[in-house]
Amino acid sequence: MGSAGTGENGRADSQKGVNEYKKMGSEIEDGDFEDDLVHYQQQLERRKSTRRYVFACAVFVSLNTAVLGYDGGVMSGAIIFIQEDLRISDVQIEVLIGCLSVISLFGSIAGGRTSDIIGRKWTMALAAVVFQVGMAVMTFADSFRVLMIGRLLAGVGMGFGGMITSLYIAEISPAISRGTLTSFPEIFVNLGILLGYISNYVFAGLSVHINWRVMLGVGILPSVIIGFALFVIPESPRWLVMQNRVDEARLVLLKTHEDEKEAEERLAEIQLAAGASNNAKYGEKAVWRELLCPSPLLRRMLITGVGIQCFQQITGIDAIVYYSPEIFKDAGMKGNSSLLAATVAVGVTKTAFVLVAIFLIDKLGRKPLLYICTIGMTVCLFSVGVSLSLLKEGAAGVVPLLAILSVCSSVAFFSVGIGPISWVLSSEIFPLRYRAQASALGAAGNRVCSGLISMSFLSVSRAITVAGTFFLFAAMSAASVAFVYALVPETKGRSLEQIESLFQNPHDWKGSHLEMEDVEHLVQK
């Protein structure tokens, strides 16, 4: 929803209020009318204040993911100069880039348990500190070994931050705007990637020994803002309830929901959902045992949550982010400046279209956007393969332009759909008792697939050509269409506590709509 949504909804609410009171004017006395109007205006001001507060919390928290995105973007260009400066091999480059995703899966798994112990907010703080230390070590590295140490630390921090940010936003957001707000981390990831690409282009003119260090060092600066944000944002009300800190949870809900009645209803739902969590028979071992040997209901949730995260990566997005220069070089482009400028175009596209997603995700819903995304990506990835194949047929003049257009189009469809929605779904479909650790499993699956793609892209491309690799990505994207149809429910407009019922009757997924109480709630907004 954001600031734009605040203004538009505010004007709509004002006009609605005027119309209502015009109708009532003939039935009540003027004094009562004025009192009611003042009361309504106070409610409207509280509504605007609440939306601004939740919006600000989502923005501050999402800054953590901007740093993660910056690393992905900046490494795509920095590796060109790192390889030249430190004289490392292509295999070492693959390991350097891919190990971040593999190591981050350990951070993701540990992050779920850590967030249940110290809270969502301070887990994000820990993630930021570890990641920034890793970036600092990489900035001053003088060998491949030191570079790897920094990369491993950054990977752990990325794992912590990647799984907890969307989870936190989902737990503080009202149902009506949860999809939009939970998309913010993906927006900031894309913004970070774009800034990384721009950093590559701006600092590429420095000496080879200095430029890549400056590129990496710039990514440390946002830690100051992240540190400030920790003193502004509240703790998750759902975590507070799990710790039996109900009064604190009530205060947070009153800040993040538009009226006291709604906040109390949500608190009652959370307390009911958290009841099993605080029962002595449900220990930590029982949670992991159930995740590893799930019931049919939990199995359906895990297949959906982990599956959508894996499909987000095996369709090749990280190969595009990390290896854009290599892809465009294979398409016939020459010169580092031209290659880095083309990657900036990819970053601009990725960032611009994820902004489109935040305006549509709570209007069209998760599933329609996933259909648009996966079908569009399939066509575009296939087009990339065709364009690179044309180079071998002698059509060198049109290949670079067609390749750039196809890659940017694929990235655009990704950013509108599966990019943000995979994180939204994995943070909202699990019951409270499993949510942190099940979301961590989804994030771990995402990181494993990302690592496999980024660590093997150059080797696979040499074996079956870059064009063949993109045909393989297109096949994976086509499979994701079937996955969305069969296994992803529509969760738009439902509270986190209501979503569990969707998995109890999966036969209704294809036509699932909002229940009448949800429709009434939306109308009241």
Protein backbone atom coordinates (compact mmCIF):
# COMPACT_ATOMS: atom_id res chain seq x y z
CA MET A 1 0.00 0.00 0.00
CA GLY A 2 2.62 2.51 1.03
CA SER A 3 2.45 6.29 0.96
CA ALA A 4 0.54 6.36 -2.31
CA GLY A 5 -2.03 3.96 -0.90
CA THR A 6 -2.33 6.12 2.21
CA GLY A 7 -3.26 9.20 0.19
CA GLU A 8 -5.70 7.49 -2.17
CA ASN A 9 -7.38 5.44 0.54
CA GLY A 10 -7.58 8.51 2.76
CA ARG A 11 -9.43 10.52 0.09
CA ALA A 12 -11.69 7.56 -0.66
CA ASP A 13 -12.46 7.14 3.03
CA SER A 14 -13.18 10.86 3.38
CA GLN A 15 -15.60 10.87 0.44
CA LYS A 16 -17.27 7.75 1.74
CA GLY A 17 -17.70 9.41 5.12
CA VAL A 18 -19.23 12.52 3.57
CA ASN A 19 -21.73 10.46 1.58
CA GLU A 20 -22.70 8.46 4.62
CA TYR A 21 -23.28 11.52 6.74
CA LYS A 22 -25.32 13.25 4.02
CA LYS A 23 -27.73 10.35 4.15
CA MET A 24 -27.83 10.47 7.92
CA GLY A 25 -28.28 14.23 8.09
CA SER A 26 -32.07 14.07 7.86
CA GLU A 27 -32.29 11.53 10.66
CA ILE A 28 -30.11 12.96 13.43
CA GLU A 29 -29.74 16.30 15.10
CA ASP A 30 -27.05 18.72 13.97
CA GLY A 31 -25.16 18.45 17.26
CA ASP A 32 -24.98 14.67 17.09
CA PHE A 33 -23.89 14.93 13.48
CA GLU A 34 -20.97 17.17 14.36
CA ASP A 35 -19.90 14.91 17.23
CA ASP A 36 -20.02 11.86 15.00
CA LEU A 37 -18.15 13.66 12.25
CA VAL A 38 -15.38 14.67 14.68
CA HIS A 39 -15.18 11.06 15.89
CA TYR A 40 -15.00 9.81 12.31
CA GLN A 41 -12.23 12.27 11.46
CA GLN A 42 -10.27 11.10 14.49
CA GLN A 43 -10.63 7.51 13.32
CA LEU A 44 -9.49 8.53 9.87
CA GLU A 45 -6.40 10.25 11.29
CA ARG A 46 -5.59 7.14 13.32
CA ARG A 47 -5.98 5.02 10.20
CA LYS A 48 -3.51 7.22 8.29
CA SER A 49 -1.07 7.21 11.22
CA THR A 50 -1.23 3.42 11.51
CA ARG A 51 -0.57 2.91 7.82
CA ARG A 52 2.39 5.29 7.91
CA TYR A 53 3.83 3.47 10.92
CA VAL A 54 3.55 -0.01 9.39
CA PHE A 55 4.91 1.31 6.10
CA ALA A 56 7.92 2.84 7.88
CA CYS A 57 8.62 -0.40 9.77
CA ALA A 58 8.53 -2.39 6.52
CA VAL A 59 10.91 0.06 4.84
CA PHE A 60 13.41 0.11 7.73
CA VAL A 61 13.47 -3.68 7.98
CA SER A 62 13.83 -4.08 4.21
CA LEU A 63 17.04 -2.03 4.21
CA ASN A 64 18.69 -5.20 5.48
CA THR A 65 17.85 -6.95 2.22
CA ALA A 66 19.10 -3.99 0.15
CA VAL A 67 22.61 -4.80 1.39
CA LEU A 68 22.14 -8.44 0.38
CA GLY A 69 21.00 -7.36 -3.08
CA TYR A 70 23.93 -4.99 -3.40
CA ASP A 71 26.33 -7.89 -2.87
CA GLY A 72 24.69 -9.86 -5.69
CA GLY A 73 24.78 -6.94 -8.10
CA VAL A 74 28.26 -5.71 -7.30
CA MET A 75 29.87 -9.16 -7.53
CA SER A 76 28.72 -9.56 -11.14
CA GLY A 77 31.13 -6.80 -12.19
CA ALA A 78 33.67 -7.02 -9.38
CA ILE A 79 34.64 -10.59 -10.29
CA ILE A 80 36.04 -9.30 -13.59
CA PHE A 81 38.59 -7.21 -11.69
CA ILE A 82 39.06 -9.64 -8.79
CA GLN A 83 40.08 -12.33 -11.26
CA GLU A 84 42.54 -9.97 -12.91
CA ASP A 85 43.97 -8.61 -9.63
CA LEU A 86 44.26 -11.83 -7.60
CA ARG A 87 44.78 -14.07 -10.66
CA ILE A 88 42.20 -16.69 -9.73
CA SER A 89 40.71 -19.33 -12.02
CA ASP A 90 37.19 -19.68 -13.42
CA VAL A 91 36.54 -22.57 -11.02
CA GLN A 92 37.55 -20.37 -8.09
CA ILE A 93 35.19 -17.67 -9.38
CA GLU A 94 32.32 -20.18 -9.44
CA VAL A 95 33.15 -21.29 -5.89
CA LEU A 96 33.49 -17.69 -4.69
CA ILE A 97 30.08 -16.70 -6.05
CA GLY A 98 28.20 -19.92 -5.40
CA CYS A 99 29.45 -20.58 -1.87
CA LEU A 100 27.50 -17.57 -0.59
CA SER A 101 24.21 -19.31 -1.33
CA VAL A 102 25.36 -22.68 0.00
CA ILE A 103 26.67 -21.23 3.26
CA SER A 104 23.61 -19.03 3.66
CA LEU A 105 21.42 -22.13 3.95
CA PHE A 106 23.09 -22.83 7.32
CA GLY A 107 22.28 -19.26 8.33
CA SER A 108 18.69 -19.77 7.18
CA ILE A 109 18.24 -22.94 9.23
CA ALA A 110 19.92 -21.43 12.30
CA GLY A 111 17.95 -18.22 11.82
CA GLY A 112 14.62 -19.96 12.40
CA ARG A 113 15.66 -21.30 15.79
CA THR A 114 17.50 -18.08 16.71
CA SER A 115 14.46 -15.93 15.95
CA ASP A 116 12.35 -18.11 18.24
CA ILE A 117 14.86 -17.57 21.06
CA ILE A 118 15.97 -13.92 20.85
CA GLY A 119 13.13 -12.53 18.75
CA ARG A 120 12.65 -11.49 15.14
CA LYS A 121 14.07 -7.98 15.56
CA TRP A 122 17.38 -8.93 17.17
CA THR A 123 17.88 -11.81 14.74
CA MET A 124 17.83 -9.17 11.99
CA ALA A 125 20.42 -7.17 13.96
CA LEU A 126 22.66 -10.24 14.24
CA ALA A 127 22.29 -10.87 10.51
CA ALA A 128 23.34 -7.30 9.66
CA VAL A 129 26.42 -7.43 11.91
CA VAL A 130 27.69 -10.77 10.59
CA PHE A 131 27.09 -9.78 6.96
CA GLN A 132 28.87 -6.42 7.33
CA VAL A 133 31.89 -8.07 8.98
CA GLY A 134 32.09 -10.45 6.03
CA MET A 135 31.92 -7.57 3.53
CA ALA A 136 34.69 -5.74 5.41
CA VAL A 137 36.96 -8.79 5.31
CA MET A 138 36.37 -9.16 1.55
CA THR A 139 37.10 -5.48 0.97
CA PHE A 140 40.61 -5.76 2.44
CA ALA A 141 41.37 -9.30 1.18
CA ASP A 142 44.77 -9.84 -0.43
CA SER A 143 44.30 -13.48 -1.42
CA PHE A 144 41.62 -15.93 -2.49
CA ARG A 145 41.72 -17.57 0.96
CA VAL A 146 40.93 -14.32 2.81
CA LEU A 147 38.30 -13.49 0.21
CA MET A 148 36.62 -16.83 0.92
CA ILE A 149 36.64 -16.23 4.69
CA GLY A 150 34.79 -12.96 4.17
CA ARG A 151 32.44 -14.61 1.72
CA LEU A 152 31.58 -17.36 4.20
CA LEU A 153 30.76 -14.81 6.92
CA ALA A 154 28.64 -12.83 4.48
CA GLY A 155 26.82 -16.03 3.55
CA VAL A 156 25.85 -16.76 7.16
CA GLY A 157 24.58 -13.19 7.56
CA MET A 158 22.63 -13.45 4.31
CA GLY A 159 20.97 -16.66 5.51
CA PHE A 160 19.84 -15.05 8.74
CA GLY A 161 18.60 -11.88 7.06
CA GLY A 162 16.95 -13.51 4.07
CA MET A 163 14.60 -15.73 6.04
CA ILE A 164 13.65 -13.38 8.87
CA THR A 165 12.84 -10.12 7.07
CA SER A 166 9.73 -11.25 5.18
CA LEU A 167 8.63 -13.31 8.19
CA TYR A 168 8.81 -10.25 10.46
CA ILE A 169 6.87 -8.02 8.07
CA ALA A 170 4.18 -10.70 7.61
CA GLU A 171 3.76 -10.93 11.39
CA ILE A 172 3.31 -7.18 11.98
CA SER A 173 1.18 -6.39 8.91
CA PRO A 174 -2.63 -6.23 8.73
CA ALA A 175 -4.11 -8.91 6.43
CA ILE A 176 -5.41 -6.31 3.96
CA SER A 177 -1.90 -5.05 3.13
CA ARG A 178 0.30 -8.00 4.05
CA GLY A 179 1.09 -9.03 0.48
CA THR A 180 2.18 -5.54 -0.49
CA LEU A 181 4.29 -4.95 2.60
CA THR A 182 5.87 -8.41 2.54
CA SER A 183 7.01 -7.62 -1.01
CA PHE A 184 9.16 -4.75 0.25
CA PRO A 185 12.24 -6.94 0.92
CA GLU A 186 12.19 -8.05 -2.71
CA ILE A 187 11.94 -4.41 -3.80
CA PHE A 188 14.97 -3.48 -1.73
CA VAL A 189 16.89 -6.54 -2.92
CA ASN A 190 16.34 -5.34 -6.46
CA LEU A 191 17.27 -1.78 -5.52
CA GLY A 192 20.46 -3.14 -3.98
CA ILE A 193 21.24 -5.14 -7.11
CA LEU A 194 20.73 -2.02 -9.24
CA LEU A 195 23.01 0.03 -6.97
CA GLY A 196 25.59 -2.75 -7.22
CA TYR A 197 25.47 -2.61 -11.02
CA ILE A 198 25.78 1.18 -10.95
CA SER A 199 28.71 0.92 -8.53
CA ASN A 200 30.45 -1.42 -10.96
CA TYR A 201 30.00 1.04 -13.80
CA VAL A 202 31.06 4.10 -11.76
CA PHE A 203 34.20 2.64 -10.16
CA ALA A 204 35.37 0.48 -13.08
CA GLY A 205 37.74 3.27 -14.19
CA LEU A 206 39.88 3.02 -11.05
CA SER A 207 43.00 0.86 -10.93
CA VAL A 208 42.41 -2.89 -10.89
CA HIS A 209 43.85 -3.20 -7.39
CA ILE A 210 41.46 -0.55 -6.00
CA ASN A 211 38.20 -0.57 -7.99
CA TRP A 212 36.71 -3.86 -6.80
CA ARG A 213 37.59 -3.03 -3.18
CA VAL A 214 35.72 0.28 -3.40
CA MET A 215 32.77 -1.52 -5.03
CA LEU A 216 32.54 -3.94 -2.10
CA GLY A 217 33.30 -1.33 0.58
CA VAL A 218 30.37 0.88 -0.40
CA GLY A 219 28.04 -1.94 0.69
CA ILE A 220 29.09 -1.44 4.34
CA LEU A 221 27.59 2.07 4.57
CA PRO A 222 23.88 1.11 5.02
CA SER A 223 24.70 -0.60 8.35
CA VAL A 224 24.40 2.80 10.06
CA ILE A 225 20.77 3.17 8.92
CA ILE A 226 20.01 -0.43 9.87
CA GLY A 227 21.37 0.21 13.38
CA PHE A 228 19.10 3.24 13.75
CA ALA A 229 16.10 1.26 12.48
CA LEU A 230 16.41 -1.26 15.31
CA PHE A 231 15.47 1.45 17.81
CA VAL A 232 12.36 2.39 15.81
CA ILE A 233 10.71 -0.88 14.83
CA PRO A 234 8.73 -3.01 17.35
CA GLU A 235 9.15 -6.69 18.08
CA SER A 236 6.79 -9.11 16.34
CA PRO A 237 3.51 -9.36 18.30
CA ARG A 238 3.27 -13.05 17.47
CA TRP A 239 6.70 -13.73 18.97
CA LEU A 240 5.75 -11.69 22.03
CA VAL A 241 2.64 -13.84 22.52
CA MET A 242 4.75 -16.98 22.23
CA GLN A 243 6.87 -15.58 25.10
CA ASN A 244 3.70 -14.86 27.15
CA ARG A 245 4.33 -11.10 26.84
CA VAL A 246 0.71 -10.46 25.91
CA ASP A 247 0.51 -6.84 27.07
CA GLU A 248 3.48 -5.88 24.92
CA ALA A 249 1.93 -7.71 21.97
CA ARG A 250 -1.32 -5.80 22.47
CA LEU A 251 0.56 -2.47 22.34
CA VAL A 252 2.23 -3.45 19.07
CA LEU A 253 -1.07 -4.58 17.53
CA LEU A 254 -2.72 -1.31 18.54
CA LYS A 255 0.04 0.50 16.64
CA THR A 256 -0.22 -1.68 13.54
CA HIS A 257 -4.00 -2.10 13.26
CA GLU A 258 -6.52 0.60 12.54
CA ASP A 259 -8.95 0.14 15.43
CA GLU A 260 -8.92 -1.44 18.87
CA LYS A 261 -11.57 -4.03 18.03
CA GLU A 262 -9.53 -5.38 15.12
CA ALA A 263 -6.38 -5.44 17.26
CA GLU A 264 -8.13 -7.37 20.03
CA GLU A 265 -9.60 -9.85 17.54
CA ARG A 266 -6.17 -10.42 16.04
CA LEU A 267 -4.64 -10.84 19.50
CA ALA A 268 -7.25 -13.47 20.37
CA GLU A 269 -6.47 -15.37 17.15
CA ILE A 270 -2.74 -15.23 17.87
CA GLN A 271 -3.21 -16.45 21.44
CA LEU A 272 -5.32 -19.34 20.17
CA ALA A 273 -2.72 -20.24 17.55
CA ALA A 274 0.11 -19.92 20.06
CA GLY A 275 -1.60 -22.16 22.60
CA ALA A 276 0.00 -25.30 21.20
CA SER A 277 3.39 -23.59 21.13
CA ASN A 278 3.35 -22.95 24.86
CA ASN A 279 2.10 -26.43 25.71
CA ALA A 280 4.79 -28.44 27.44
CA LYS A 281 4.32 -31.45 25.19
CA TYR A 282 5.44 -29.46 22.15
CA GLY A 283 9.17 -29.10 22.65
CA GLU A 284 11.70 -27.94 20.11
CA LYS A 285 12.53 -31.52 19.16
CA ALA A 286 8.87 -32.18 18.45
CA VAL A 287 8.75 -29.24 16.01
CA TRP A 288 11.71 -30.47 14.00
CA ARG A 289 10.44 -34.05 14.18
CA GLU A 290 7.11 -32.96 12.74
CA LEU A 291 8.83 -30.95 10.00
CA LEU A 292 10.94 -33.95 9.01
CA CYS A 293 8.04 -36.42 9.37
CA PRO A 294 5.07 -34.14 8.67
CA SER A 295 1.38 -34.84 8.80
CA PRO A 296 -0.50 -34.69 5.46
CA LEU A 297 -1.61 -31.12 6.23
CA LEU A 298 1.87 -29.91 7.11
CA ARG A 299 3.34 -31.83 4.16
CA ARG A 300 1.14 -29.88 1.75
CA MET A 301 2.31 -26.63 3.34
CA LEU A 302 5.97 -27.64 3.13
CA ILE A 303 5.68 -28.73 -0.49
CA THR A 304 4.13 -25.38 -1.37
CA GLY A 305 6.47 -23.23 0.73
CA VAL A 306 9.74 -24.98 -0.08
CA GLY A 307 8.73 -25.76 -3.66
CA ILE A 308 7.95 -22.16 -4.62
CA GLN A 309 11.30 -21.06 -3.15
CA CYS A 310 13.16 -23.68 -5.18
CA PHE A 311 11.37 -22.76 -8.41
CA GLN A 312 12.30 -19.13 -7.83
CA GLN A 313 15.96 -20.09 -8.24
CA ILE A 314 16.08 -23.03 -10.65
CA THR A 315 14.58 -20.82 -13.36
CA GLY A 316 17.97 -19.09 -13.47
CA ILE A 317 17.53 -15.65 -11.91
CA ASP A 318 20.82 -15.76 -9.98
CA ALA A 319 22.66 -16.87 -13.12
CA ILE A 320 21.36 -13.69 -14.77
CA VAL A 321 22.20 -11.50 -11.76
CA TYR A 322 25.73 -12.84 -11.26
CA TYR A 323 26.72 -13.62 -14.84
CA SER A 324 25.03 -10.93 -16.94
CA PRO A 325 28.40 -9.77 -18.34
CA GLU A 326 29.26 -13.33 -19.36
CA ILE A 327 25.84 -13.82 -20.99
CA PHE A 328 26.08 -10.59 -22.97
CA LYS A 329 29.67 -11.35 -23.92
CA ASP A 330 28.46 -14.67 -25.35
CA ALA A 331 25.87 -12.67 -27.31
CA GLY A 332 28.66 -10.74 -29.03
CA MET A 333 29.01 -7.60 -26.89
CA LYS A 334 32.57 -6.32 -26.37
CA GLY A 335 34.29 -4.05 -23.85
CA ASN A 336 33.88 -3.99 -20.05
CA SER A 337 32.06 -0.64 -20.10
CA SER A 338 29.45 -1.89 -22.58
CA LEU A 339 28.96 -5.13 -20.64
CA LEU A 340 28.53 -3.31 -17.32
CA ALA A 341 26.17 -0.76 -18.89
CA ALA A 342 24.00 -3.66 -20.15
CA THR A 343 23.86 -5.11 -16.63
CA VAL A 344 22.62 -1.72 -15.39
CA ALA A 345 19.70 -2.08 -17.83
CA VAL A 346 18.93 -5.46 -16.25
CA GLY A 347 19.04 -3.91 -12.77
CA VAL A 348 16.75 -1.03 -13.74
CA THR A 349 14.23 -3.46 -15.22
CA LYS A 350 14.31 -5.73 -12.18
CA THR A 351 13.75 -2.84 -9.78
CA ALA A 352 11.07 -1.08 -11.84
CA PHE A 353 8.87 -4.14 -12.27
CA VAL A 354 8.99 -5.27 -8.65
CA LEU A 355 7.37 -1.90 -7.91
CA VAL A 356 4.54 -2.99 -10.19
CA ALA A 357 4.17 -6.15 -8.11
CA ILE A 358 3.52 -4.30 -4.84
CA PHE A 359 0.54 -2.48 -6.37
CA LEU A 360 -0.96 -5.67 -7.79
CA ILE A 361 -0.26 -8.39 -5.23
CA ASP A 362 -3.11 -7.41 -2.88
CA LYS A 363 -5.45 -6.50 -5.77
CA LEU A 364 -5.05 -9.33 -8.29
CA GLY A 365 -3.82 -11.84 -5.72
CA ARG A 366 -0.79 -14.14 -5.52
CA LYS A 367 -1.89 -16.85 -7.93
CA PRO A 368 -2.85 -14.72 -10.98
CA LEU A 369 0.49 -12.90 -10.76
CA LEU A 370 2.31 -16.22 -10.53
CA TYR A 371 0.58 -17.42 -13.72
CA ILE A 372 1.53 -14.23 -15.58
CA CYS A 373 5.10 -14.46 -14.30
CA THR A 374 5.85 -18.12 -14.94
CA ILE A 375 4.31 -18.20 -18.42
CA GLY A 376 6.07 -14.96 -19.38
CA MET A 377 9.42 -16.18 -18.05
CA THR A 378 9.10 -19.44 -19.99
CA VAL A 379 8.67 -17.54 -23.25
CA CYS A 380 11.48 -15.07 -22.51
CA LEU A 381 14.02 -17.65 -21.34
CA PHE A 382 13.33 -19.68 -24.46
CA SER A 383 13.84 -16.48 -26.46
CA VAL A 384 17.25 -15.93 -24.83
CA GLY A 385 18.28 -19.41 -25.91
CA VAL A 386 17.04 -18.76 -29.46
CA SER A 387 18.84 -15.39 -29.67
CA LEU A 388 22.15 -16.90 -28.56
CA SER A 389 21.68 -19.77 -31.02
CA LEU A 390 21.27 -17.25 -33.85
CA LEU A 391 24.85 -16.07 -33.27
CA LYS A 392 26.08 -19.36 -34.62
CA GLU A 393 23.93 -18.83 -37.71
CA GLY A 394 25.70 -15.57 -38.52
CA ALA A 395 23.07 -13.10 -37.25
CA ALA A 396 25.63 -11.24 -35.12
CA GLY A 397 24.11 -7.80 -35.71
CA VAL A 398 20.77 -8.44 -34.00
CA VAL A 399 21.85 -10.93 -31.33
CA PRO A 400 23.10 -8.48 -28.65
CA LEU A 401 19.92 -6.38 -28.85
CA LEU A 402 17.64 -9.43 -28.88
CA ALA A 403 19.57 -11.00 -25.99
CA ILE A 404 19.35 -7.85 -23.86
CA LEU A 405 15.63 -7.48 -24.63
CA SER A 406 14.90 -11.13 -23.80
CA VAL A 407 16.94 -11.10 -20.57
CA CYS A 408 15.32 -7.86 -19.40
CA SER A 409 11.85 -9.20 -20.22
CA SER A 410 12.52 -12.39 -18.27
CA VAL A 411 13.72 -10.35 -15.30
CA ALA A 412 10.61 -8.15 -15.56
CA PHE A 413 8.25 -11.14 -15.36
CA PHE A 414 10.29 -12.56 -12.48
CA SER A 415 10.02 -9.31 -10.51
CA VAL A 416 6.26 -9.06 -11.04
CA GLY A 417 5.58 -12.57 -9.79
CA ILE A 418 7.67 -15.34 -8.34
CA GLY A 419 10.44 -13.01 -7.13
CA PRO A 420 8.46 -11.32 -4.35
CA ILE A 421 5.60 -13.82 -4.06
CA SER A 422 7.79 -16.78 -3.12
CA TRP A 423 8.84 -14.90 0.03
CA VAL A 424 5.30 -13.71 0.71
CA LEU A 425 3.85 -17.22 0.52
CA SER A 426 6.57 -18.93 2.56
CA SER A 427 6.14 -16.38 5.35
CA GLU A 428 2.34 -16.61 5.58
CA ILE A 429 1.21 -20.20 4.93
CA PHE A 430 2.65 -21.92 8.02
CA PRO A 431 0.96 -22.06 11.46
CA LEU A 432 2.58 -19.95 14.17
CA ARG A 433 4.25 -22.89 15.92
CA TYR A 434 6.11 -23.93 12.77
CA ARG A 435 6.37 -20.57 11.01
CA ALA A 436 9.92 -19.47 11.79
CA GLN A 437 11.55 -22.86 11.26
CA ALA A 438 9.41 -23.91 8.29
CA SER A 439 10.15 -20.54 6.64
CA ALA A 440 13.81 -21.23 7.37
CA LEU A 441 13.53 -24.53 5.48
CA GLY A 442 12.04 -22.67 2.52
CA ALA A 443 14.85 -20.12 2.61
CA ALA A 444 17.37 -22.96 2.86
CA GLY A 445 15.87 -24.59 -0.24
CA ASN A 446 16.11 -21.26 -2.03
CA ARG A 447 19.78 -20.89 -1.08
CA VAL A 448 20.67 -24.47 -2.05
CA CYS A 449 19.16 -24.02 -5.50
CA SER A 450 20.79 -20.62 -5.86
CA GLY A 451 24.15 -22.14 -4.96
CA LEU A 452 23.75 -25.00 -7.42
CA ILE A 453 22.89 -22.59 -10.23
CA SER A 454 25.58 -20.00 -9.50
CA MET A 455 28.33 -22.56 -8.87
CA SER A 456 27.62 -24.55 -12.02
CA PHE A 457 26.53 -21.97 -14.60
CA LEU A 458 29.93 -21.44 -16.23
CA SER A 459 30.73 -25.17 -16.30
CA VAL A 460 27.29 -26.16 -17.64
CA SER A 461 27.45 -23.38 -20.23
CA ARG A 462 30.75 -24.73 -21.54
CA ALA A 463 29.27 -28.23 -21.69
CA ILE A 464 25.95 -27.45 -23.45
CA THR A 465 26.52 -23.76 -24.45
CA VAL A 466 24.92 -20.72 -22.86
CA ALA A 467 21.96 -21.09 -25.24
CA GLY A 468 21.42 -24.68 -24.12
CA THR A 469 21.53 -23.59 -20.49
CA PHE A 470 18.74 -21.09 -21.09
CA PHE A 471 16.64 -23.71 -22.86
CA LEU A 472 17.04 -25.74 -19.64
CA PHE A 473 15.92 -22.75 -17.56
CA ALA A 474 12.88 -22.37 -19.85
CA ALA A 475 11.93 -26.00 -19.20
CA MET A 476 12.15 -25.43 -15.45
CA SER A 477 9.98 -22.33 -15.81
CA ALA A 478 7.37 -24.33 -17.73
CA ALA A 479 7.32 -26.87 -14.88
CA SER A 480 6.72 -24.02 -12.42
CA VAL A 481 3.45 -23.17 -14.21
CA ALA A 482 2.12 -26.66 -13.42
CA PHE A 483 3.37 -26.37 -9.84
CA VAL A 484 1.49 -23.10 -9.29
CA TYR A 485 -1.72 -24.58 -10.76
CA ALA A 486 -1.64 -27.71 -8.64
CA LEU A 487 -0.09 -26.70 -5.33
CA VAL A 488 -0.38 -22.96 -4.64
CA PRO A 489 -3.56 -21.59 -2.97
CA GLU A 490 -4.75 -17.99 -3.05
CA THR A 491 -4.06 -16.31 0.32
CA LYS A 492 -5.03 -12.72 -0.52
CA GLY A 493 -6.94 -10.90 2.22
CA ARG A 494 -6.77 -13.64 4.86
CA SER A 495 -5.17 -13.34 8.28
CA LEU A 496 -2.20 -15.61 8.98
CA GLU A 497 -4.37 -17.60 11.36
CA GLN A 498 -7.05 -18.19 8.67
CA ILE A 499 -4.70 -19.46 5.96
CA GLU A 500 -4.25 -22.88 7.55
CA SER A 501 -7.84 -23.78 6.57
CA LEU A 502 -6.90 -23.47 2.89
CA PHE A 503 -4.63 -26.49 3.18
CA GLN A 504 -7.28 -28.55 4.93
CA ASN A 505 -9.34 -28.60 1.73
CA PRO A 506 -6.91 -28.29 -1.22
CA HIS A 507 -9.60 -29.30 -3.75
CA ASP A 508 -11.05 -25.79 -3.43
CA TRP A 509 -7.77 -24.06 -4.37
CA LYS A 510 -8.57 -23.55 -8.02
CA GLY A 511 -11.60 -21.49 -7.16
CA SER A 512 -10.71 -20.21 -3.72
CA HIS A 513 -12.07 -16.77 -2.98
CA LEU A 514 -12.32 -14.56 0.06
CA GLU A 515 -14.85 -15.63 2.65
CA MET A 516 -17.80 -13.31 3.31
CA GLU A 517 -16.25 -12.00 6.53
CA ASP A 518 -13.11 -11.07 4.60
CA VAL A 519 -15.16 -9.31 1.93
CA GLU A 520 -16.99 -7.34 4.61
CA HIS A 521 -13.66 -6.45 6.15
CA LEU A 522 -12.34 -5.20 2.81
CA VAL A 523 -15.49 -3.14 2.20
CA GLN A 524 -15.09 -1.51 5.60
CA LYS A 525 -11.58 -0.46 4.66
